[in-house]
Amino acid sequence: MNSRVPTQVQKILNEYITLFQNKIPNTLEGFYLHGSIALDAYIIGSSDIDFIAVVNRSLTEEDVKIISNLHKELNQKFKDTGMDGSYLLVADVGKKQSEVKSCLKVNEGETRWGKDDINPITWWILKNKGITILGQDVATYSFSVDERVLDDYVLENMNSYWSNRLKKIKKYKAFLIPNKLVDLEVEWSITGLLRQFYTLQKHDIVSKVDACKYAIHHLPEEFHNIINEAISIREGSNIRYCKSKKQRIDDTIQCMAYILEHCNSVKN
């Protein structure tokens, strides 16, 4: 298997492919990794295995039951490493979300129908940095992602999902929230939004930690503590840079608001 794939992930994927091919033979056309592994930023116990599985026919109800049970089995066995991805027909790889009817989505052992992974970010990473595990080389697929399309998607995502998340965080009462949940919020919101910031600045996609390190050199010093704290949490370190839970939430809010305003002012 590709040397870029961490050893523990190789073990999971080998078992997954064996199970799939035994239970639903002659169906899995290709299997590809995007996300943190493709960005060479996999963190044990934190990162998921982000994948696109390509099938050569439409999945039946029986197929879906088998796949659902397969992922539940793997999720129970490998509790620290979840698989997060979608099953697509060959013809749907690289398409716009509006061009795909629906696909089977898997996250943390649970399956549902959806199109979350059908977006320019997935396709950009897959085309430029994706890892082929099974099937034809991902680079040979005939699709590309225009820089403008990627930027437009990221800005729209910032002004919908991330803007709404900021409004939600503003309603938090610090004294009511356990420290663990504050950690999760700081890590998710700061690293996630800064990766969007990086993409709009550089027209590229990097890991969350690398995006944070870039931001340290491009955002005002007042946000450095919360960014360093987000990096620390992401990497599993106990080092903290803010003095209190309230400061952590306040700094998260101010940093997110700054990024949103800055990116909109630059792009409009």
C-alpha atoms as a PDB file:
ATOM      1  CA  MET A   1       0.000   0.000   0.000  1.00  0.00           C
ATOM      2  CA  ASN A   2       1.111   3.605  -0.572  1.00  0.00           C
ATOM      3  CA  SER A   3       3.802   4.582   1.964  1.00  0.00           C
ATOM      4  CA  ARG A   4       1.967   7.867   2.659  1.00  0.00           C
ATOM      5  CA  VAL A   5      -0.752   5.855   4.406  1.00  0.00           C
ATOM      6  CA  PRO A   6      -0.025   5.422   8.144  1.00  0.00           C
ATOM      7  CA  THR A   7       0.533   1.816   9.235  1.00  0.00           C
ATOM      8  CA  GLN A   8      -2.553   1.687  11.481  1.00  0.00           C
ATOM      9  CA  VAL A   9      -4.697   3.005   8.630  1.00  0.00           C
ATOM     10  CA  GLN A  10      -3.259   0.406   6.258  1.00  0.00           C
ATOM     11  CA  LYS A  11      -4.412  -2.310   8.648  1.00  0.00           C
ATOM     12  CA  ILE A  12      -7.965  -0.954   8.704  1.00  0.00           C
ATOM     13  CA  LEU A  13      -8.132  -0.490   4.942  1.00  0.00           C
ATOM     14  CA  ASN A  14      -6.791  -3.968   4.217  1.00  0.00           C
ATOM     15  CA  GLU A  15      -9.501  -5.453   6.430  1.00  0.00           C
ATOM     16  CA  TYR A  16     -12.153  -3.200   4.902  1.00  0.00           C
ATOM     17  CA  ILE A  17     -11.259  -4.144   1.312  1.00  0.00           C
ATOM     18  CA  THR A  18     -11.148  -7.866   2.149  1.00  0.00           C
ATOM     19  CA  LEU A  19     -14.546  -7.720   3.851  1.00  0.00           C
ATOM     20  CA  PHE A  20     -16.120  -5.657   1.074  1.00  0.00           C
ATOM     21  CA  GLN A  21     -14.869  -7.835  -1.750  1.00  0.00           C
ATOM     22  CA  ASN A  22     -15.942 -10.996   0.057  1.00  0.00           C
ATOM     23  CA  LYS A  23     -19.425  -9.701   0.825  1.00  0.00           C
ATOM     24  CA  ILE A  24     -20.082  -7.707  -2.381  1.00  0.00           C
ATOM     25  CA  PRO A  25     -17.701  -9.098  -5.016  1.00  0.00           C
ATOM     26  CA  ASN A  26     -16.963  -7.467  -8.379  1.00  0.00           C
ATOM     27  CA  THR A  27     -18.427  -4.106  -7.307  1.00  0.00           C
ATOM     28  CA  LEU A  28     -15.678  -1.929  -5.809  1.00  0.00           C
ATOM     29  CA  GLU A  29     -14.035  -0.244  -8.800  1.00  0.00           C
ATOM     30  CA  GLY A  30     -11.756   2.119  -6.921  1.00  0.00           C
ATOM     31  CA  PHE A  31     -10.937   3.406  -3.451  1.00  0.00           C
ATOM     32  CA  TYR A  32      -9.262   6.776  -2.827  1.00  0.00           C
ATOM     33  CA  LEU A  33      -8.166   8.841   0.169  1.00  0.00           C
ATOM     34  CA  HIS A  34      -8.516  12.602   0.559  1.00  0.00           C
ATOM     35  CA  GLY A  35      -8.608  14.677   3.760  1.00  0.00           C
ATOM     36  CA  SER A  36      -5.835  14.648   6.369  1.00  0.00           C
ATOM     37  CA  ILE A  37      -4.073  11.524   5.085  1.00  0.00           C
ATOM     38  CA  ALA A  38      -3.780  12.964   1.559  1.00  0.00           C
ATOM     39  CA  LEU A  39      -2.531  16.224   3.089  1.00  0.00           C
ATOM     40  CA  ASP A  40       0.134  14.310   5.045  1.00  0.00           C
ATOM     41  CA  ALA A  41      -1.410  15.550   8.285  1.00  0.00           C
ATOM     42  CA  TYR A  42      -2.954  12.456   9.829  1.00  0.00           C
ATOM     43  CA  ILE A  43      -3.115  12.543  13.650  1.00  0.00           C
ATOM     44  CA  ILE A  44      -3.628   9.232  15.472  1.00  0.00           C
ATOM     45  CA  GLY A  45      -6.801   9.266  17.559  1.00  0.00           C
ATOM     46  CA  SER A  46      -8.014  12.527  16.038  1.00  0.00           C
ATOM     47  CA  SER A  47      -8.141  12.255  12.245  1.00  0.00           C
ATOM     48  CA  ASP A  48     -10.641  10.224  10.236  1.00  0.00           C
ATOM     49  CA  ILE A  49     -10.008   8.117   7.158  1.00  0.00           C
ATOM     50  CA  ASP A  50     -11.612  10.342   4.520  1.00  0.00           C
ATOM     51  CA  PHE A  51     -12.432   8.322   1.408  1.00  0.00           C
ATOM     52  CA  ILE A  52     -14.269   8.099  -1.870  1.00  0.00           C
ATOM     53  CA  ALA A  53     -15.277   4.566  -2.844  1.00  0.00           C
ATOM     54  CA  VAL A  54     -16.141   4.114  -6.515  1.00  0.00           C
ATOM     55  CA  VAL A  55     -18.602   1.358  -7.442  1.00  0.00           C
ATOM     56  CA  ASN A  56     -19.399   0.056 -10.926  1.00  0.00           C
ATOM     57  CA  ARG A  57     -23.165  -0.234 -10.445  1.00  0.00           C
ATOM     58  CA  SER A  58     -25.991   1.236  -8.392  1.00  0.00           C
ATOM     59  CA  LEU A  59     -26.149  -0.166  -4.871  1.00  0.00           C
ATOM     60  CA  THR A  60     -29.161  -2.297  -3.978  1.00  0.00           C
ATOM     61  CA  GLU A  61     -30.978  -2.249  -0.635  1.00  0.00           C
ATOM     62  CA  GLU A  62     -29.196  -5.461   0.258  1.00  0.00           C
ATOM     63  CA  ASP A  63     -25.841  -3.878  -0.636  1.00  0.00           C
ATOM     64  CA  VAL A  64     -26.595  -0.935   1.629  1.00  0.00           C
ATOM     65  CA  LYS A  65     -27.409  -3.250   4.546  1.00  0.00           C
ATOM     66  CA  ILE A  66     -24.169  -5.153   4.031  1.00  0.00           C
ATOM     67  CA  ILE A  67     -22.096  -1.958   3.787  1.00  0.00           C
ATOM     68  CA  SER A  68     -23.803  -0.524   6.864  1.00  0.00           C
ATOM     69  CA  ASN A  69     -23.043  -3.638   8.918  1.00  0.00           C
ATOM     70  CA  LEU A  70     -19.489  -3.729   7.568  1.00  0.00           C
ATOM     71  CA  HIS A  71     -18.766  -0.184   8.726  1.00  0.00           C
ATOM     72  CA  LYS A  72     -20.404  -0.743  12.106  1.00  0.00           C
ATOM     73  CA  GLU A  73     -18.183  -3.782  12.578  1.00  0.00           C
ATOM     74  CA  LEU A  74     -15.034  -1.836  11.687  1.00  0.00           C
ATOM     75  CA  ASN A  75     -16.067   1.109  13.862  1.00  0.00           C
ATOM     76  CA  GLN A  76     -16.453  -1.178  16.852  1.00  0.00           C
ATOM     77  CA  LYS A  77     -13.118  -2.866  16.234  1.00  0.00           C
ATOM     78  CA  PHE A  78     -11.133   0.310  15.512  1.00  0.00           C
ATOM     79  CA  LYS A  79     -12.764   2.793  17.880  1.00  0.00           C
ATOM     80  CA  ASP A  80     -10.046   5.451  17.622  1.00  0.00           C
ATOM     81  CA  THR A  81     -10.157   5.732  13.829  1.00  0.00           C
ATOM     82  CA  GLY A  82     -13.423   6.400  12.028  1.00  0.00           C
ATOM     83  CA  MET A  83     -14.059   6.088   8.309  1.00  0.00           C
ATOM     84  CA  ASP A  84     -15.743   9.093   6.713  1.00  0.00           C
ATOM     85  CA  GLY A  85     -16.657   8.940   3.036  1.00  0.00           C
ATOM     86  CA  SER A  86     -19.062   8.256   0.201  1.00  0.00           C
ATOM     87  CA  TYR A  87     -19.851   5.600  -2.381  1.00  0.00           C
ATOM     88  CA  LEU A  88     -20.115   6.965  -5.912  1.00  0.00           C
ATOM     89  CA  LEU A  89     -20.646   5.607  -9.389  1.00  0.00           C
ATOM     90  CA  VAL A  90     -17.683   5.989 -11.735  1.00  0.00           C
ATOM     91  CA  ALA A  91     -19.597   8.564 -13.791  1.00  0.00           C
ATOM     92  CA  ASP A  92     -20.218  10.754 -10.715  1.00  0.00           C
ATOM     93  CA  VAL A  93     -16.574  11.298  -9.712  1.00  0.00           C
ATOM     94  CA  GLY A  94     -15.704  14.980 -10.021  1.00  0.00           C
ATOM     95  CA  LYS A  95     -19.255  16.142 -10.700  1.00  0.00           C
ATOM     96  CA  LYS A  96     -21.095  19.071  -9.137  1.00  0.00           C
ATOM     97  CA  GLN A  97     -23.458  18.302  -6.266  1.00  0.00           C
ATOM     98  CA  SER A  98     -26.433  19.279  -8.424  1.00  0.00           C
ATOM     99  CA  GLU A  99     -25.423  16.702 -11.022  1.00  0.00           C
ATOM    100  CA  VAL A 100     -25.474  13.760  -8.620  1.00  0.00           C
ATOM    101  CA  LYS A 101     -28.782  12.257  -7.470  1.00  0.00           C
ATOM    102  CA  SER A 102     -27.507  10.917  -4.165  1.00  0.00           C
ATOM    103  CA  CYS A 103     -24.862   8.631  -2.762  1.00  0.00           C
ATOM    104  CA  LEU A 104     -24.333   6.458   0.268  1.00  0.00           C
ATOM    105  CA  LYS A 105     -22.503   8.380   2.989  1.00  0.00           C
ATOM    106  CA  VAL A 106     -20.612   6.801   5.903  1.00  0.00           C
ATOM    107  CA  ASN A 107     -19.499   8.569   9.080  1.00  0.00           C
ATOM    108  CA  GLU A 108     -18.303   6.980  12.328  1.00  0.00           C
ATOM    109  CA  GLY A 109     -19.902   3.652  11.432  1.00  0.00           C
ATOM    110  CA  GLU A 110     -23.291   5.098  10.498  1.00  0.00           C
ATOM    111  CA  THR A 111     -24.655   5.182   6.938  1.00  0.00           C
ATOM    112  CA  ARG A 112     -27.174   7.495   5.290  1.00  0.00           C
ATOM    113  CA  TRP A 113     -27.956   8.941   1.875  1.00  0.00           C
ATOM    114  CA  GLY A 114     -26.465  12.355   1.197  1.00  0.00           C
ATOM    115  CA  LYS A 115     -24.116  14.445  -0.897  1.00  0.00           C
ATOM    116  CA  ASP A 116     -21.834  16.055   1.707  1.00  0.00           C
ATOM    117  CA  ASP A 117     -18.639  14.953  -0.014  1.00  0.00           C
ATOM    118  CA  ILE A 118     -19.690  16.210  -3.442  1.00  0.00           C
ATOM    119  CA  ASN A 119     -17.941  19.569  -3.346  1.00  0.00           C
ATOM    120  CA  PRO A 120     -14.921  21.377  -4.841  1.00  0.00           C
ATOM    121  CA  ILE A 121     -12.763  20.809  -1.745  1.00  0.00           C
ATOM    122  CA  THR A 122     -13.111  17.025  -1.976  1.00  0.00           C
ATOM    123  CA  TRP A 123     -12.427  17.059  -5.711  1.00  0.00           C
ATOM    124  CA  TRP A 124      -9.482  19.459  -5.430  1.00  0.00           C
ATOM    125  CA  ILE A 125      -7.704  17.349  -2.786  1.00  0.00           C
ATOM    126  CA  LEU A 126      -8.551  14.127  -4.607  1.00  0.00           C
ATOM    127  CA  LYS A 127      -7.260  15.363  -7.957  1.00  0.00           C
ATOM    128  CA  ASN A 128      -4.152  17.134  -6.677  1.00  0.00           C
ATOM    129  CA  LYS A 129      -3.121  15.157  -3.600  1.00  0.00           C
ATOM    130  CA  GLY A 130      -5.401  12.096  -3.442  1.00  0.00           C
ATOM    131  CA  ILE A 131      -4.050   8.626  -2.701  1.00  0.00           C
ATOM    132  CA  THR A 132      -5.074   5.634  -4.790  1.00  0.00           C
ATOM    133  CA  ILE A 133      -5.658   2.505  -2.718  1.00  0.00           C
ATOM    134  CA  LEU A 134      -7.522   0.453  -5.295  1.00  0.00           C
ATOM    135  CA  GLY A 135      -8.344   0.887  -8.988  1.00  0.00           C
ATOM    136  CA  GLN A 136      -7.095   3.289 -11.643  1.00  0.00           C
ATOM    137  CA  ASP A 137      -4.846   6.131 -10.514  1.00  0.00           C
ATOM    138  CA  VAL A 138      -6.994   8.992  -9.267  1.00  0.00           C
ATOM    139  CA  ALA A 139      -4.947  11.400 -11.398  1.00  0.00           C
ATOM    140  CA  THR A 140      -6.327   9.758 -14.541  1.00  0.00           C
ATOM    141  CA  TYR A 141      -9.931  10.810 -13.849  1.00  0.00           C
ATOM    142  CA  SER A 142     -11.026  13.449 -16.350  1.00  0.00           C
ATOM    143  CA  PHE A 143     -12.118  16.263 -14.054  1.00  0.00           C
ATOM    144  CA  SER A 144     -10.514  19.407 -12.696  1.00  0.00           C
ATOM    145  CA  VAL A 145     -11.391  22.111 -10.180  1.00  0.00           C
ATOM    146  CA  ASP A 146     -11.212  25.719 -11.305  1.00  0.00           C
ATOM    147  CA  GLU A 147      -9.560  28.088  -8.815  1.00  0.00           C
ATOM    148  CA  ARG A 148     -12.523  30.477  -8.958  1.00  0.00           C
ATOM    149  CA  VAL A 149     -14.988  27.661  -8.283  1.00  0.00           C
ATOM    150  CA  LEU A 150     -12.974  26.582  -5.246  1.00  0.00           C
ATOM    151  CA  ASP A 151     -12.801  30.147  -3.883  1.00  0.00           C
ATOM    152  CA  ASP A 152     -16.518  30.755  -4.447  1.00  0.00           C
ATOM    153  CA  TYR A 153     -17.433  27.538  -2.657  1.00  0.00           C
ATOM    154  CA  VAL A 154     -15.199  28.333   0.323  1.00  0.00           C
ATOM    155  CA  LEU A 155     -16.537  31.882   0.698  1.00  0.00           C
ATOM    156  CA  GLU A 156     -20.132  30.658   0.485  1.00  0.00           C
ATOM    157  CA  ASN A 157     -19.368  28.043   3.145  1.00  0.00           C
ATOM    158  CA  MET A 158     -17.866  30.723   5.388  1.00  0.00           C
ATOM    159  CA  ASN A 159     -20.950  32.904   5.037  1.00  0.00           C
ATOM    160  CA  SER A 160     -23.358  30.072   5.755  1.00  0.00           C
ATOM    161  CA  TYR A 161     -22.032  27.279   7.984  1.00  0.00           C
ATOM    162  CA  TRP A 162     -19.280  29.258   9.745  1.00  0.00           C
ATOM    163  CA  SER A 163     -21.287  32.447  10.093  1.00  0.00           C
ATOM    164  CA  ASN A 164     -24.136  30.485  11.685  1.00  0.00           C
ATOM    165  CA  ARG A 165     -21.716  28.689  13.969  1.00  0.00           C
ATOM    166  CA  LEU A 166     -20.326  32.024  15.133  1.00  0.00           C
ATOM    167  CA  LYS A 167     -23.852  33.184  16.020  1.00  0.00           C
ATOM    168  CA  LYS A 168     -24.323  29.996  18.034  1.00  0.00           C
ATOM    169  CA  ILE A 169     -21.051  30.431  19.940  1.00  0.00           C
ATOM    170  CA  LYS A 170     -21.999  34.003  20.873  1.00  0.00           C
ATOM    171  CA  LYS A 171     -24.884  32.542  22.894  1.00  0.00           C
ATOM    172  CA  TYR A 172     -22.587  30.361  25.020  1.00  0.00           C
ATOM    173  CA  LYS A 173     -22.368  31.003  28.738  1.00  0.00           C
ATOM    174  CA  ALA A 174     -18.798  30.101  29.620  1.00  0.00           C
ATOM    175  CA  PHE A 175     -19.494  28.982  33.186  1.00  0.00           C
ATOM    176  CA  LEU A 176     -22.041  26.409  31.972  1.00  0.00           C
ATOM    177  CA  ILE A 177     -19.785  24.672  29.450  1.00  0.00           C
ATOM    178  CA  PRO A 178     -17.397  21.864  30.482  1.00  0.00           C
ATOM    179  CA  ASN A 179     -13.751  22.454  29.569  1.00  0.00           C
ATOM    180  CA  LYS A 180     -13.773  19.448  27.244  1.00  0.00           C
ATOM    181  CA  LEU A 181     -16.548  20.959  25.133  1.00  0.00           C
ATOM    182  CA  VAL A 182     -14.734  24.294  25.020  1.00  0.00           C
ATOM    183  CA  ASP A 183     -11.658  22.429  23.760  1.00  0.00           C
ATOM    184  CA  LEU A 184     -13.734  20.819  21.007  1.00  0.00           C
ATOM    185  CA  GLU A 185     -15.196  24.165  19.976  1.00  0.00           C
ATOM    186  CA  VAL A 186     -11.866  25.987  19.901  1.00  0.00           C
ATOM    187  CA  GLU A 187     -10.219  23.216  17.889  1.00  0.00           C
ATOM    188  CA  TRP A 188     -13.100  22.774  15.431  1.00  0.00           C
ATOM    189  CA  SER A 189     -13.944  26.409  14.783  1.00  0.00           C
ATOM    190  CA  ILE A 190     -10.504  28.020  14.785  1.00  0.00           C
ATOM    191  CA  THR A 191      -8.728  25.358  12.739  1.00  0.00           C
ATOM    192  CA  GLY A 192     -11.679  24.877  10.407  1.00  0.00           C
ATOM    193  CA  LEU A 193     -12.184  28.532   9.626  1.00  0.00           C
ATOM    194  CA  LEU A 194      -8.457  29.216   9.276  1.00  0.00           C
ATOM    195  CA  ARG A 195      -8.190  26.474   6.683  1.00  0.00           C
ATOM    196  CA  GLN A 196     -10.853  28.315   4.695  1.00  0.00           C
ATOM    197  CA  PHE A 197      -8.872  31.533   5.216  1.00  0.00           C
ATOM    198  CA  TYR A 198      -5.732  29.872   3.865  1.00  0.00           C
ATOM    199  CA  THR A 199      -7.523  28.563   0.771  1.00  0.00           C
ATOM    200  CA  LEU A 200      -8.829  32.025  -0.114  1.00  0.00           C
ATOM    201  CA  GLN A 201      -5.365  33.509   0.358  1.00  0.00           C
ATOM    202  CA  LYS A 202      -3.300  30.871  -1.441  1.00  0.00           C
ATOM    203  CA  HIS A 203      -5.827  29.048  -3.666  1.00  0.00           C
ATOM    204  CA  ASP A 204      -4.566  25.821  -2.159  1.00  0.00           C
ATOM    205  CA  ILE A 205      -5.663  23.388   0.553  1.00  0.00           C
ATOM    206  CA  VAL A 206      -3.482  22.353   3.484  1.00  0.00           C
ATOM    207  CA  SER A 207      -4.015  20.654   6.818  1.00  0.00           C
ATOM    208  CA  LYS A 208      -5.751  22.474   9.652  1.00  0.00           C
ATOM    209  CA  VAL A 209      -2.529  22.741  11.652  1.00  0.00           C
ATOM    210  CA  ASP A 210      -0.573  24.091   8.689  1.00  0.00           C
ATOM    211  CA  ALA A 211      -3.321  26.645   8.039  1.00  0.00           C
ATOM    212  CA  CYS A 212      -3.078  27.770  11.673  1.00  0.00           C
ATOM    213  CA  LYS A 213       0.699  28.131  11.440  1.00  0.00           C
ATOM    214  CA  TYR A 214       0.260  30.232   8.306  1.00  0.00           C
ATOM    215  CA  ALA A 215      -2.308  32.417  10.111  1.00  0.00           C
ATOM    216  CA  ILE A 216       0.143  33.138  12.949  1.00  0.00           C
ATOM    217  CA  HIS A 217       2.175  35.136  10.412  1.00  0.00           C
ATOM    218  CA  HIS A 218      -0.801  36.841   8.757  1.00  0.00           C
ATOM    219  CA  LEU A 219      -3.303  37.656  11.505  1.00  0.00           C
ATOM    220  CA  PRO A 220      -2.980  40.300  14.260  1.00  0.00           C
ATOM    221  CA  GLU A 221      -1.037  39.268  17.357  1.00  0.00           C
ATOM    222  CA  GLU A 222      -4.156  39.475  19.523  1.00  0.00           C
ATOM    223  CA  PHE A 223      -5.337  36.199  17.955  1.00  0.00           C
ATOM    224  CA  HIS A 224      -2.091  34.265  18.343  1.00  0.00           C
ATOM    225  CA  ASN A 225      -2.954  32.745  21.739  1.00  0.00           C
ATOM    226  CA  ILE A 226      -6.236  31.227  20.580  1.00  0.00           C
ATOM    227  CA  ILE A 227      -4.640  29.974  17.352  1.00  0.00           C
ATOM    228  CA  ASN A 228      -1.774  28.357  19.276  1.00  0.00           C
ATOM    229  CA  GLU A 229      -4.300  26.838  21.653  1.00  0.00           C
ATOM    230  CA  ALA A 230      -6.261  25.376  18.730  1.00  0.00           C
ATOM    231  CA  ILE A 231      -3.037  23.839  17.389  1.00  0.00           C
ATOM    232  CA  SER A 232      -2.240  22.425  20.813  1.00  0.00           C
ATOM    233  CA  ILE A 233      -5.659  20.807  21.168  1.00  0.00           C
ATOM    234  CA  ARG A 234      -5.536  19.455  17.618  1.00  0.00           C
ATOM    235  CA  GLU A 235      -2.157  17.834  18.269  1.00  0.00           C
ATOM    236  CA  GLY A 236      -3.246  16.359  21.602  1.00  0.00           C
ATOM    237  CA  SER A 237      -1.073  18.574  23.796  1.00  0.00           C
ATOM    238  CA  ASN A 238      -2.094  19.816  27.249  1.00  0.00           C
ATOM    239  CA  ILE A 239      -0.466  23.231  26.738  1.00  0.00           C
ATOM    240  CA  ARG A 240      -2.964  26.111  26.981  1.00  0.00           C
ATOM    241  CA  TYR A 241      -2.381  29.755  26.079  1.00  0.00           C
ATOM    242  CA  CYS A 242      -5.541  31.488  27.348  1.00  0.00           C
ATOM    243  CA  LYS A 243      -5.984  32.374  31.019  1.00  0.00           C
ATOM    244  CA  SER A 244      -9.621  31.341  31.460  1.00  0.00           C
ATOM    245  CA  LYS A 245     -12.524  29.529  29.858  1.00  0.00           C
ATOM    246  CA  LYS A 246     -14.260  32.844  29.244  1.00  0.00           C
ATOM    247  CA  GLN A 247     -11.191  34.243  27.481  1.00  0.00           C
ATOM    248  CA  ARG A 248     -11.008  31.173  25.261  1.00  0.00           C
ATOM    249  CA  ILE A 249     -14.604  31.610  24.129  1.00  0.00           C
ATOM    250  CA  ASP A 250     -14.280  35.395  23.741  1.00  0.00           C
ATOM    251  CA  ASP A 251     -11.067  35.049  21.721  1.00  0.00           C
ATOM    252  CA  THR A 252     -12.656  32.371  19.543  1.00  0.00           C
ATOM    253  CA  ILE A 253     -15.568  34.686  18.777  1.00  0.00           C
ATOM    254  CA  GLN A 254     -13.328  37.669  18.019  1.00  0.00           C
ATOM    255  CA  CYS A 255     -10.977  35.637  15.840  1.00  0.00           C
ATOM    256  CA  MET A 256     -13.821  34.073  13.838  1.00  0.00           C
ATOM    257  CA  ALA A 257     -15.502  37.456  13.357  1.00  0.00           C
ATOM    258  CA  TYR A 258     -12.229  38.981  12.142  1.00  0.00           C
ATOM    259  CA  ILE A 259     -11.612  36.195   9.621  1.00  0.00           C
ATOM    260  CA  LEU A 260     -15.137  36.397   8.216  1.00  0.00           C
ATOM    261  CA  GLU A 261     -15.004  40.177   7.869  1.00  0.00           C
ATOM    262  CA  HIS A 262     -11.508  40.136   6.376  1.00  0.00           C
ATOM    263  CA  CYS A 263     -12.271  37.464   3.791  1.00  0.00           C
ATOM    264  CA  ASN A 264     -15.483  39.146   2.691  1.00  0.00           C
ATOM    265  CA  SER A 265     -13.790  42.522   2.378  1.00  0.00           C
ATOM    266  CA  VAL A 266     -10.998  41.057   0.236  1.00  0.00           C
ATOM    267  CA  LYS A 267     -13.289  39.064  -2.055  1.00  0.00           C
ATOM    268  CA  ASN A 268     -16.016  41.688  -2.520  1.00  0.00           C
END
